[in-house]
Amino acid sequence: MPLLLAAEGGLPLSFVLVYAAGFIAAVTIGSIAWYNSRRPAGWEDKERPDFIPDIDKSKDTPNS
């Protein structure tokens, strides 16, 4: 409900929707990056969730 109240308070609905979509995109991209990084202390033996795609890190390394 706060999302609708913010739109009625003077902010255009499209403005609020862009911020909401940006927040969802940031959380999604951040989650993928975090799960594909090295695990923090205590998380080394935890399994990767099924919905997180695997990223081949060998393509990103330079040949030098």
PDB file of N, CA and C in Angstrom:
ATOM      1  N   MET A   1       0.792  -1.199   0.000  1.00  0.00           N
ATOM      2  CA  MET A   1       0.000   0.000   0.000  1.00  0.00           C
ATOM      3  C   MET A   1       0.838   1.270   0.000  1.00  0.00           C
ATOM      4  N   PRO A   2       2.015   1.300   0.650  1.00  0.00           N
ATOM      5  CA  PRO A   2       2.803   2.534   0.635  1.00  0.00           C
ATOM      6  C   PRO A   2       3.200   2.961  -0.775  1.00  0.00           C
ATOM      7  N   LEU A   3       3.345   1.989  -1.676  1.00  0.00           N
ATOM      8  CA  LEU A   3       3.712   2.321  -3.054  1.00  0.00           C
ATOM      9  C   LEU A   3       2.608   3.156  -3.700  1.00  0.00           C
ATOM     10  N   LEU A   4       1.367   2.775  -3.481  1.00  0.00           N
ATOM     11  CA  LEU A   4       0.249   3.527  -4.054  1.00  0.00           C
ATOM     12  C   LEU A   4       0.082   4.875  -3.367  1.00  0.00           C
ATOM     13  N   LEU A   5       0.327   4.922  -2.072  1.00  0.00           N
ATOM     14  CA  LEU A   5       0.215   6.191  -1.363  1.00  0.00           C
ATOM     15  C   LEU A   5       1.291   7.168  -1.821  1.00  0.00           C
ATOM     16  N   ALA A   6       2.478   6.660  -2.140  1.00  0.00           N
ATOM     17  CA  ALA A   6       3.540   7.529  -2.635  1.00  0.00           C
ATOM     18  C   ALA A   6       3.155   8.122  -3.986  1.00  0.00           C
ATOM     19  N   ALA A   7       2.490   7.331  -4.820  1.00  0.00           N
ATOM     20  CA  ALA A   7       2.077   7.822  -6.126  1.00  0.00           C
ATOM     21  C   ALA A   7       0.978   8.875  -5.990  1.00  0.00           C
ATOM     22  N   GLU A   8       0.095   8.715  -5.016  1.00  0.00           N
ATOM     23  CA  GLU A   8      -0.972   9.682  -4.819  1.00  0.00           C
ATOM     24  C   GLU A   8      -0.464  10.951  -4.148  1.00  0.00           C
ATOM     25  N   GLY A   9       0.679  10.873  -3.505  1.00  0.00           N
ATOM     26  CA  GLY A   9       1.215  12.020  -2.782  1.00  0.00           C
ATOM     27  C   GLY A   9       1.880  13.051  -3.667  1.00  0.00           C
ATOM     28  N   GLY A  10       1.864  12.923  -4.942  1.00  0.00           N
ATOM     29  CA  GLY A  10       2.430  13.911  -5.832  1.00  0.00           C
ATOM     30  C   GLY A  10       3.454  13.347  -6.794  1.00  0.00           C
ATOM     31  N   LEU A  11       3.942  12.141  -6.543  1.00  0.00           N
ATOM     32  CA  LEU A  11       4.887  11.531  -7.476  1.00  0.00           C
ATOM     33  C   LEU A  11       4.111  10.823  -8.582  1.00  0.00           C
ATOM     34  N   PRO A  12       4.535  10.988  -9.818  1.00  0.00           N
ATOM     35  CA  PRO A  12       3.863  10.271 -10.911  1.00  0.00           C
ATOM     36  C   PRO A  12       4.046   8.763 -10.754  1.00  0.00           C
ATOM     37  N   LEU A  13       3.054   8.023 -11.176  1.00  0.00           N
ATOM     38  CA  LEU A  13       3.090   6.570 -11.055  1.00  0.00           C
ATOM     39  C   LEU A  13       4.271   5.983 -11.832  1.00  0.00           C
ATOM     40  N   SER A  14       4.568   6.522 -12.995  1.00  0.00           N
ATOM     41  CA  SER A  14       5.686   6.007 -13.787  1.00  0.00           C
ATOM     42  C   SER A  14       7.006   6.194 -13.042  1.00  0.00           C
ATOM     43  N   PHE A  15       7.160   7.272 -12.328  1.00  0.00           N
ATOM     44  CA  PHE A  15       8.357   7.543 -11.536  1.00  0.00           C
ATOM     45  C   PHE A  15       8.529   6.490 -10.445  1.00  0.00           C
ATOM     46  N   VAL A  16       7.465   6.166  -9.754  1.00  0.00           N
ATOM     47  CA  VAL A  16       7.496   5.162  -8.692  1.00  0.00           C
ATOM     48  C   VAL A  16       7.764   3.778  -9.279  1.00  0.00           C
ATOM     49  N   LEU A  17       7.161   3.463 -10.418  1.00  0.00           N
ATOM     50  CA  LEU A  17       7.373   2.161 -11.047  1.00  0.00           C
ATOM     51  C   LEU A  17       8.813   1.983 -11.523  1.00  0.00           C
ATOM     52  N   VAL A  18       9.429   3.040 -12.021  1.00  0.00           N
ATOM     53  CA  VAL A  18      10.828   2.958 -12.447  1.00  0.00           C
ATOM     54  C   VAL A  18      11.724   2.674 -11.249  1.00  0.00           C
ATOM     55  N   TYR A  19      11.476   3.328 -10.132  1.00  0.00           N
ATOM     56  CA  TYR A  19      12.268   3.071  -8.931  1.00  0.00           C
ATOM     57  C   TYR A  19      12.045   1.652  -8.417  1.00  0.00           C
ATOM     58  N   ALA A  20      10.825   1.173  -8.441  1.00  0.00           N
ATOM     59  CA  ALA A  20      10.529  -0.190  -7.986  1.00  0.00           C
ATOM     60  C   ALA A  20      11.213  -1.212  -8.890  1.00  0.00           C
ATOM     61  N   ALA A  21      11.147  -1.016 -10.198  1.00  0.00           N
ATOM     62  CA  ALA A  21      11.797  -1.934 -11.133  1.00  0.00           C
ATOM     63  C   ALA A  21      13.315  -1.883 -10.974  1.00  0.00           C
ATOM     64  N   GLY A  22      13.869  -0.718 -10.741  1.00  0.00           N
ATOM     65  CA  GLY A  22      15.308  -0.586 -10.522  1.00  0.00           C
ATOM     66  C   GLY A  22      15.764  -1.285  -9.258  1.00  0.00           C
ATOM     67  N   PHE A  23      14.963  -1.195  -8.212  1.00  0.00           N
ATOM     68  CA  PHE A  23      15.300  -1.874  -6.959  1.00  0.00           C
ATOM     69  C   PHE A  23      15.287  -3.384  -7.148  1.00  0.00           C
ATOM     70  N   ILE A  24      14.271  -3.890  -7.821  1.00  0.00           N
ATOM     71  CA  ILE A  24      14.184  -5.331  -8.065  1.00  0.00           C
ATOM     72  C   ILE A  24      15.358  -5.798  -8.931  1.00  0.00           C
ATOM     73  N   ALA A  25      15.713  -5.030  -9.946  1.00  0.00           N
ATOM     74  CA  ALA A  25      16.848  -5.391 -10.802  1.00  0.00           C
ATOM     75  C   ALA A  25      18.154  -5.379 -10.013  1.00  0.00           C
ATOM     76  N   ALA A  26      18.342  -4.386  -9.148  1.00  0.00           N
ATOM     77  CA  ALA A  26      19.569  -4.304  -8.354  1.00  0.00           C
ATOM     78  C   ALA A  26      19.691  -5.481  -7.397  1.00  0.00           C
ATOM     79  N   VAL A  27      18.589  -5.866  -6.769  1.00  0.00           N
ATOM     80  CA  VAL A  27      18.617  -7.008  -5.852  1.00  0.00           C
ATOM     81  C   VAL A  27      18.913  -8.290  -6.615  1.00  0.00           C
ATOM     82  N   THR A  28      18.309  -8.462  -7.784  1.00  0.00           N
ATOM     83  CA  THR A  28      18.530  -9.669  -8.586  1.00  0.00           C
ATOM     84  C   THR A  28      19.974  -9.767  -9.057  1.00  0.00           C
ATOM     85  N   ILE A  29      20.500  -8.699  -9.630  1.00  0.00           N
ATOM     86  CA  ILE A  29      21.877  -8.698 -10.124  1.00  0.00           C
ATOM     87  C   ILE A  29      22.865  -8.855  -8.968  1.00  0.00           C
ATOM     88  N   GLY A  30      22.602  -8.197  -7.854  1.00  0.00           N
ATOM     89  CA  GLY A  30      23.468  -8.326  -6.687  1.00  0.00           C
ATOM     90  C   GLY A  30      23.467  -9.733  -6.118  1.00  0.00           C
ATOM     91  N   SER A  31      22.316 -10.382  -6.118  1.00  0.00           N
ATOM     92  CA  SER A  31      22.239 -11.754  -5.621  1.00  0.00           C
ATOM     93  C   SER A  31      23.029 -12.707  -6.518  1.00  0.00           C
ATOM     94  N   ILE A  32      22.902 -12.545  -7.815  1.00  0.00           N
ATOM     95  CA  ILE A  32      23.655 -13.395  -8.746  1.00  0.00           C
ATOM     96  C   ILE A  32      25.153 -13.175  -8.554  1.00  0.00           C
ATOM     97  N   ALA A  33      25.577 -11.929  -8.436  1.00  0.00           N
ATOM     98  CA  ALA A  33      26.996 -11.636  -8.248  1.00  0.00           C
ATOM     99  C   ALA A  33      27.500 -12.192  -6.919  1.00  0.00           C
ATOM    100  N   TRP A  34      26.724 -12.073  -5.865  1.00  0.00           N
ATOM    101  CA  TRP A  34      27.154 -12.561  -4.551  1.00  0.00           C
ATOM    102  C   TRP A  34      27.274 -14.075  -4.541  1.00  0.00           C
ATOM    103  N   TYR A  35      26.302 -14.759  -5.121  1.00  0.00           N
ATOM    104  CA  TYR A  35      26.347 -16.217  -5.122  1.00  0.00           C
ATOM    105  C   TYR A  35      27.454 -16.763  -6.018  1.00  0.00           C
ATOM    106  N   ASN A  36      27.883 -16.016  -7.020  1.00  0.00           N
ATOM    107  CA  ASN A  36      28.949 -16.472  -7.899  1.00  0.00           C
ATOM    108  C   ASN A  36      30.328 -16.016  -7.436  1.00  0.00           C
ATOM    109  N   SER A  37      30.406 -15.263  -6.355  1.00  0.00           N
ATOM    110  CA  SER A  37      31.692 -14.847  -5.819  1.00  0.00           C
ATOM    111  C   SER A  37      32.196 -15.893  -4.827  1.00  0.00           C
ATOM    112  N   ARG A  38      33.341 -15.624  -4.253  1.00  0.00           N
ATOM    113  CA  ARG A  38      33.836 -16.529  -3.212  1.00  0.00           C
ATOM    114  C   ARG A  38      32.909 -16.456  -2.020  1.00  0.00           C
ATOM    115  N   ARG A  39      32.799 -17.568  -1.346  1.00  0.00           N
ATOM    116  CA  ARG A  39      31.906 -17.634  -0.196  1.00  0.00           C
ATOM    117  C   ARG A  39      32.549 -16.970   1.022  1.00  0.00           C
ATOM    118  N   PRO A  40      31.792 -16.200   1.776  1.00  0.00           N
ATOM    119  CA  PRO A  40      32.329 -15.624   3.007  1.00  0.00           C
ATOM    120  C   PRO A  40      32.568 -16.715   4.052  1.00  0.00           C
ATOM    121  N   ALA A  41      33.266 -16.369   5.105  1.00  0.00           N
ATOM    122  CA  ALA A  41      33.586 -17.335   6.158  1.00  0.00           C
ATOM    123  C   ALA A  41      32.303 -17.964   6.700  1.00  0.00           C
ATOM    124  N   GLY A  42      32.289 -19.280   6.763  1.00  0.00           N
ATOM    125  CA  GLY A  42      31.124 -20.008   7.237  1.00  0.00           C
ATOM    126  C   GLY A  42      30.200 -20.474   6.130  1.00  0.00           C
ATOM    127  N   TRP A  43      30.369 -19.960   4.920  1.00  0.00           N
ATOM    128  CA  TRP A  43      29.496 -20.311   3.794  1.00  0.00           C
ATOM    129  C   TRP A  43      30.215 -21.168   2.763  1.00  0.00           C
ATOM    130  N   GLU A  44      31.450 -21.595   3.031  1.00  0.00           N
ATOM    131  CA  GLU A  44      32.240 -22.302   2.029  1.00  0.00           C
ATOM    132  C   GLU A  44      31.595 -23.600   1.571  1.00  0.00           C
ATOM    133  N   ASP A  45      30.937 -24.318   2.475  1.00  0.00           N
ATOM    134  CA  ASP A  45      30.378 -25.622   2.133  1.00  0.00           C
ATOM    135  C   ASP A  45      28.900 -25.569   1.749  1.00  0.00           C
ATOM    136  N   LYS A  46      28.338 -24.404   1.607  1.00  0.00           N
ATOM    137  CA  LYS A  46      26.915 -24.268   1.267  1.00  0.00           C
ATOM    138  C   LYS A  46      26.706 -24.434  -0.233  1.00  0.00           C
ATOM    139  N   GLU A  47      25.582 -24.997  -0.599  1.00  0.00           N
ATOM    140  CA  GLU A  47      25.238 -25.214  -2.010  1.00  0.00           C
ATOM    141  C   GLU A  47      24.673 -23.928  -2.623  1.00  0.00           C
ATOM    142  N   ARG A  48      24.916 -23.782  -3.912  1.00  0.00           N
ATOM    143  CA  ARG A  48      24.368 -22.656  -4.671  1.00  0.00           C
ATOM    144  C   ARG A  48      22.895 -22.936  -4.958  1.00  0.00           C
ATOM    145  N   PRO A  49      22.001 -21.961  -4.790  1.00  0.00           N
ATOM    146  CA  PRO A  49      20.584 -22.185  -5.117  1.00  0.00           C
ATOM    147  C   PRO A  49      20.406 -22.531  -6.595  1.00  0.00           C
ATOM    148  N   ASP A  50      19.372 -23.280  -6.913  1.00  0.00           N
ATOM    149  CA  ASP A  50      19.123 -23.729  -8.283  1.00  0.00           C
ATOM    150  C   ASP A  50      18.827 -22.584  -9.249  1.00  0.00           C
ATOM    151  N   PHE A  51      18.263 -21.492  -8.758  1.00  0.00           N
ATOM    152  CA  PHE A  51      17.862 -20.411  -9.650  1.00  0.00           C
ATOM    153  C   PHE A  51      19.008 -19.465  -9.984  1.00  0.00           C
ATOM    154  N   ILE A  52      20.194 -19.640  -9.390  1.00  0.00           N
ATOM    155  CA  ILE A  52      21.353 -18.800  -9.685  1.00  0.00           C
ATOM    156  C   ILE A  52      22.150 -19.458 -10.809  1.00  0.00           C
ATOM    157  N   PRO A  53      22.351 -18.749 -11.935  1.00  0.00           N
ATOM    158  CA  PRO A  53      23.089 -19.347 -13.049  1.00  0.00           C
ATOM    159  C   PRO A  53      24.580 -19.439 -12.743  1.00  0.00           C
ATOM    160  N   ASP A  54      25.245 -20.464 -13.299  1.00  0.00           N
ATOM    161  CA  ASP A  54      26.688 -20.605 -13.165  1.00  0.00           C
ATOM    162  C   ASP A  54      27.366 -19.688 -14.177  1.00  0.00           C
ATOM    163  N   ILE A  55      28.454 -19.058 -13.766  1.00  0.00           N
ATOM    164  CA  ILE A  55      29.224 -18.183 -14.655  1.00  0.00           C
ATOM    165  C   ILE A  55      30.593 -18.797 -14.820  1.00  0.00           C
ATOM    166  N   ASP A  56      31.016 -18.970 -16.075  1.00  0.00           N
ATOM    167  CA  ASP A  56      32.331 -19.535 -16.362  1.00  0.00           C
ATOM    168  C   ASP A  56      33.377 -18.452 -16.149  1.00  0.00           C
ATOM    169  N   LYS A  57      34.174 -18.581 -15.098  1.00  0.00           N
ATOM    170  CA  LYS A  57      35.157 -17.547 -14.761  1.00  0.00           C
ATOM    171  C   LYS A  57      36.410 -17.643 -15.605  1.00  0.00           C
ATOM    172  N   SER A  58      36.648 -18.748 -16.302  1.00  0.00           N
ATOM    173  CA  SER A  58      37.869 -18.886 -17.100  1.00  0.00           C
ATOM    174  C   SER A  58      37.876 -17.962 -18.309  1.00  0.00           C
ATOM    175  N   LYS A  59      36.736 -17.558 -18.798  1.00  0.00           N
ATOM    176  CA  LYS A  59      36.673 -16.651 -19.951  1.00  0.00           C
ATOM    177  C   LYS A  59      37.062 -15.226 -19.576  1.00  0.00           C
ATOM    178  N   ASP A  60      36.919 -14.865 -18.308  1.00  0.00           N
ATOM    179  CA  ASP A  60      37.199 -13.497 -17.868  1.00  0.00           C
ATOM    180  C   ASP A  60      38.662 -13.268 -17.536  1.00  0.00           C
ATOM    181  N   THR A  61      39.474 -14.313 -17.447  1.00  0.00           N
ATOM    182  CA  THR A  61      40.871 -14.142 -17.076  1.00  0.00           C
ATOM    183  C   THR A  61      41.714 -13.841 -18.308  1.00  0.00           C
ATOM    184  N   PRO A  62      42.667 -12.904 -18.170  1.00  0.00           N
ATOM    185  CA  PRO A  62      43.539 -12.606 -19.307  1.00  0.00           C
ATOM    186  C   PRO A  62      44.543 -13.737 -19.541  1.00  0.00           C
ATOM    187  N   ASN A  63      45.117 -13.778 -20.733  1.00  0.00           N
ATOM    188  CA  ASN A  63      46.048 -14.841 -21.098  1.00  0.00           C
ATOM    189  C   ASN A  63      47.460 -14.596 -20.616  1.00  0.00           C
ATOM    190  N   SER A  64      47.746 -13.492 -19.975  1.00  0.00           N
ATOM    191  CA  SER A  64      49.108 -13.191 -19.537  1.00  0.00           C
ATOM    192  C   SER A  64      49.509 -13.894 -18.280  1.00  0.00           C
TER     193      SER A  64
END
